[in-house]
Amino acid sequence: MLTGMETLWKNRDWMNRLRHSRTGVLSHAASISPSGEHLVFALRREGVATTRLFAPEHGLWGAAQDMEGVEHQFDEIVQSEVTSLYGHDVDSLKPREAMLSGLDAVVIDVQDVGARYYTFAYTALFLAQAALERGIDVYVIDRPNPVNGTTLEGNLIDRGFESFVGVRSGMTRHGMTLCELLRMWCVQDGTPNLESLHLCWMEGYDRRSYFDETGVLWTMPSPNMPTLETAVVYPGMCLLEGTNLSEGRGTTRPFEIFGAPWVDANAAHRGVEALCLPGVVFRPVDFKPMFQKHAGQVCHGLQMYVTDRRRFRSVLTGIAVLSVMSALHAEFSWRSETYEFVRDILAIDLLFGNDTVRKQIEGQENPYRIVEGFDAQTESWRGLRREFLYYGEGE
């Protein structure tokens, strides 16, 4: 299988145009070739002038934690200034006119993980649309959806609940690649100069594949996405960010370990096991996060093990965990602090894209019944995305 980075190299016309262009590059730590060479160095080796470098959330090398603003700064590794597209306010998320001044082309290469909350796709969209509106050529490198491109989970976003963890409505686990998403969004928005949007599709990609079945090197796209196993659980377990439970940030197994100092681990274990969730088992565990929620405190909670990822349903599991933890513990609460630059809507509602699911959990509705309520939205999304699936439906 060839990633979009490799198919770009094969396209002599595109490469010749890039060699005669002043080129901006949006990339991060996972923007690498099969040999581990980073995109910036590969472009320079090919004679492309990397005039301006951009970085999404977490910075160019993934050193910044989630929601940590990153400054524009000189990077020692690439020996260039790097312009941050994730600063300290919502205006920093979109490129300003001066950032695109003098550019003839932009190359975008960011590894998505297949979940609506993951912000890289929105940074790519904002940069691509800003460039296209100014008549700048845009080249987007496609990479595999790590958790496969066929399985759909979750729900769509209700109007009024958009945020940087849901700029566009789509399923929680959307089943698309970055190029498919950008093409769909740009068409839907009537983005001008679409003939200048050059999509570097993969070759030999089977959308039914998980990342470890593609032969591509796994590189952490963000600091709390260390393994493919993390990506598999992330669509559901990221929901814990909207609570006062630690989602395992500050440990070596983020999103697979979760809890708090006040959790009754044995009771929580009995509660989730009683739900007979498919493809996953749990064990009680103690852990001490080194940073973020409950940093330096011993937390009681659970560790999850995905035993069958094709049966496992991450969103169902996340809702089940929230249901059990909230029902068992008086100390449980929803996160009320500002989340992704939004102050007036609860973080959990931004993650769900509505306030309905939170209220269902508070009313102790059965998790299976909650996700059954997503069926109509799943079918709606399946039909909406169909015409934009370059690699077929795979089903």
Foldseek 3Di string as FASTA:
>chain_A
DFWLVVLCVVPVVNLVVQLVWAEAEEAACQQAHQVRHHPLVVNVVSNGHHNAYEYEPCGRYQVDAPLAADCFAQDPVSRGTYQYLGHNAPVSVADDPVRCPRGQEYEYEAFDQQFLQDQRLVSVLRHVLVCVLVVHAYEYIKDANQLFQFDFFAAWADPPLAFSRHVDTATRRHSAISLLVNVLVCVVVVRPNCVSHHYSHGPPDQRRDHPVVPSGDDDPSHPQCHDSVCSLQCSQLVLCVQKLKQQQAQHPHGNQWIFAQPDPAVQLQVQLVVLVAPQKHKDWDWDARCDDRNHRHIGIYIGMDRRDSVRGDNNLSNLSSLLSRVVPDPPMDTDQPDDNNDRPDRPSCSSNNHCVSVVCSVVSPRSVVVRVVRVVRVVVSCVSSQVSHPNHNND
